[in-house]
N, C-alpha and C. Protein backbone atom coordinates (compact mmCIF):
# COMPACT_ATOMS: atom_id res chain seq x y z
N UNK A 1 -18.89 -25.33 -3.65
CA UNK A 1 -17.81 -24.41 -3.95
C UNK A 1 -17.14 -23.99 -2.64
N UNK A 2 -15.83 -23.86 -2.69
CA UNK A 2 -15.08 -23.46 -1.51
C UNK A 2 -15.20 -21.96 -1.29
N UNK A 3 -15.57 -21.59 -0.10
CA UNK A 3 -15.65 -20.16 0.23
C UNK A 3 -14.39 -19.76 0.95
N UNK A 4 -13.88 -18.58 0.61
CA UNK A 4 -12.68 -18.08 1.26
C UNK A 4 -13.06 -17.35 2.55
N UNK A 5 -12.18 -17.48 3.55
CA UNK A 5 -12.41 -16.75 4.79
C UNK A 5 -12.15 -15.27 4.55
N UNK A 6 -12.53 -14.46 5.49
CA UNK A 6 -12.34 -13.00 5.36
C UNK A 6 -10.86 -12.66 5.22
N UNK A 7 -10.02 -13.34 5.99
CA UNK A 7 -8.59 -13.07 5.94
C UNK A 7 -8.00 -13.49 4.58
N UNK A 8 -8.45 -14.61 4.06
CA UNK A 8 -7.98 -15.06 2.75
C UNK A 8 -8.41 -14.09 1.65
N UNK A 9 -9.60 -13.56 1.77
CA UNK A 9 -10.08 -12.59 0.80
C UNK A 9 -9.21 -11.32 0.83
N UNK A 10 -8.89 -10.86 2.05
CA UNK A 10 -8.05 -9.66 2.17
C UNK A 10 -6.66 -9.89 1.59
N UNK A 11 -6.09 -11.06 1.84
CA UNK A 11 -4.77 -11.37 1.28
C UNK A 11 -4.84 -11.40 -0.24
N UNK A 12 -5.85 -12.02 -0.78
CA UNK A 12 -6.01 -12.11 -2.23
C UNK A 12 -6.19 -10.73 -2.85
N UNK A 13 -7.01 -9.91 -2.25
CA UNK A 13 -7.24 -8.55 -2.75
C UNK A 13 -5.96 -7.73 -2.67
N UNK A 14 -5.20 -7.89 -1.58
CA UNK A 14 -3.95 -7.15 -1.43
C UNK A 14 -2.94 -7.55 -2.50
N UNK A 15 -2.78 -8.84 -2.72
CA UNK A 15 -1.82 -9.32 -3.73
C UNK A 15 -2.23 -8.85 -5.11
N UNK A 16 -3.50 -8.98 -5.44
CA UNK A 16 -3.96 -8.54 -6.76
C UNK A 16 -3.80 -7.03 -6.94
N UNK A 17 -4.07 -6.28 -5.88
CA UNK A 17 -3.92 -4.82 -5.95
C UNK A 17 -2.47 -4.43 -6.20
N UNK A 18 -1.54 -5.09 -5.49
CA UNK A 18 -0.12 -4.80 -5.69
C UNK A 18 0.33 -5.15 -7.11
N UNK A 19 -0.17 -6.24 -7.65
CA UNK A 19 0.16 -6.61 -9.03
C UNK A 19 -0.35 -5.56 -10.02
N UNK A 20 -1.56 -5.08 -9.81
CA UNK A 20 -2.13 -4.06 -10.69
C UNK A 20 -1.35 -2.76 -10.58
N UNK A 21 -1.00 -2.36 -9.36
CA UNK A 21 -0.23 -1.12 -9.17
C UNK A 21 1.12 -1.24 -9.86
N UNK A 22 1.78 -2.38 -9.71
CA UNK A 22 3.06 -2.60 -10.38
C UNK A 22 2.94 -2.51 -11.89
N UNK A 23 1.88 -3.08 -12.44
CA UNK A 23 1.65 -3.04 -13.88
C UNK A 23 1.40 -1.60 -14.34
N UNK A 24 0.63 -0.84 -13.58
CA UNK A 24 0.34 0.55 -13.93
C UNK A 24 1.63 1.38 -13.91
N UNK A 25 2.46 1.17 -12.91
CA UNK A 25 3.73 1.90 -12.82
C UNK A 25 4.62 1.55 -14.01
N UNK A 26 4.66 0.29 -14.38
CA UNK A 26 5.47 -0.14 -15.52
C UNK A 26 4.98 0.53 -16.80
N UNK A 27 3.68 0.54 -17.01
CA UNK A 27 3.12 1.17 -18.21
C UNK A 27 3.39 2.67 -18.21
N UNK A 28 3.26 3.31 -17.06
CA UNK A 28 3.50 4.75 -16.96
C UNK A 28 4.95 5.08 -17.27
N UNK A 29 5.87 4.31 -16.70
CA UNK A 29 7.30 4.58 -16.94
C UNK A 29 7.68 4.32 -18.38
N UNK A 30 7.05 3.34 -19.01
CA UNK A 30 7.33 3.06 -20.42
C UNK A 30 6.83 4.21 -21.29
N UNK A 31 5.67 4.74 -20.97
CA UNK A 31 5.08 5.82 -21.76
C UNK A 31 5.75 7.16 -21.50
N UNK A 32 6.36 7.34 -20.33
CA UNK A 32 7.00 8.60 -19.96
C UNK A 32 8.43 8.35 -19.50
N UNK A 33 9.35 8.16 -20.45
CA UNK A 33 10.73 7.90 -20.04
C UNK A 33 11.31 9.11 -19.32
N UNK A 34 12.23 8.88 -18.38
CA UNK A 34 12.81 10.00 -17.64
C UNK A 34 13.64 10.88 -18.56
N UNK A 35 13.60 12.17 -18.29
CA UNK A 35 14.38 13.11 -19.07
C UNK A 35 15.78 13.12 -18.47
N UNK A 36 16.77 12.84 -19.29
CA UNK A 36 18.14 12.78 -18.81
C UNK A 36 18.72 14.17 -18.63
N UNK A 37 19.75 14.23 -17.79
CA UNK A 37 20.45 15.49 -17.60
C UNK A 37 21.21 15.82 -18.89
N UNK A 38 21.25 17.08 -19.27
CA UNK A 38 22.06 17.42 -20.43
C UNK A 38 23.54 17.25 -20.09
N UNK A 39 24.30 16.80 -21.06
CA UNK A 39 25.72 16.58 -20.83
C UNK A 39 26.42 17.94 -20.87
N UNK A 40 27.15 18.22 -19.81
CA UNK A 40 27.86 19.49 -19.74
C UNK A 40 29.18 19.36 -20.47
N UNK A 41 29.57 20.43 -21.14
CA UNK A 41 30.88 20.44 -21.77
C UNK A 41 31.94 20.62 -20.69
N UNK A 42 32.84 19.67 -20.64
CA UNK A 42 33.90 19.73 -19.65
C UNK A 42 35.10 20.43 -20.28
N UNK A 43 35.50 21.52 -19.67
CA UNK A 43 36.65 22.25 -20.18
C UNK A 43 37.91 21.78 -19.48
N UNK A 44 38.92 21.51 -20.27
CA UNK A 44 40.18 21.13 -19.69
C UNK A 44 41.19 22.23 -19.93
N UNK A 45 42.05 22.43 -18.99
CA UNK A 45 43.09 23.45 -19.14
C UNK A 45 44.24 22.86 -19.92
N UNK A 46 44.33 23.21 -21.21
CA UNK A 46 45.39 22.68 -22.05
C UNK A 46 46.37 23.74 -22.42
């Protein structure tokens, strides 16, 4: 079996960690949509 060097292991762990973080952020944003600003009534001088 091929063994990975220490540097290859760190790169692999970093890439996998970033993928997991991205997935968690996506799930969080889907579950908690941003609250929009309320639309202000614009008064016009008529």
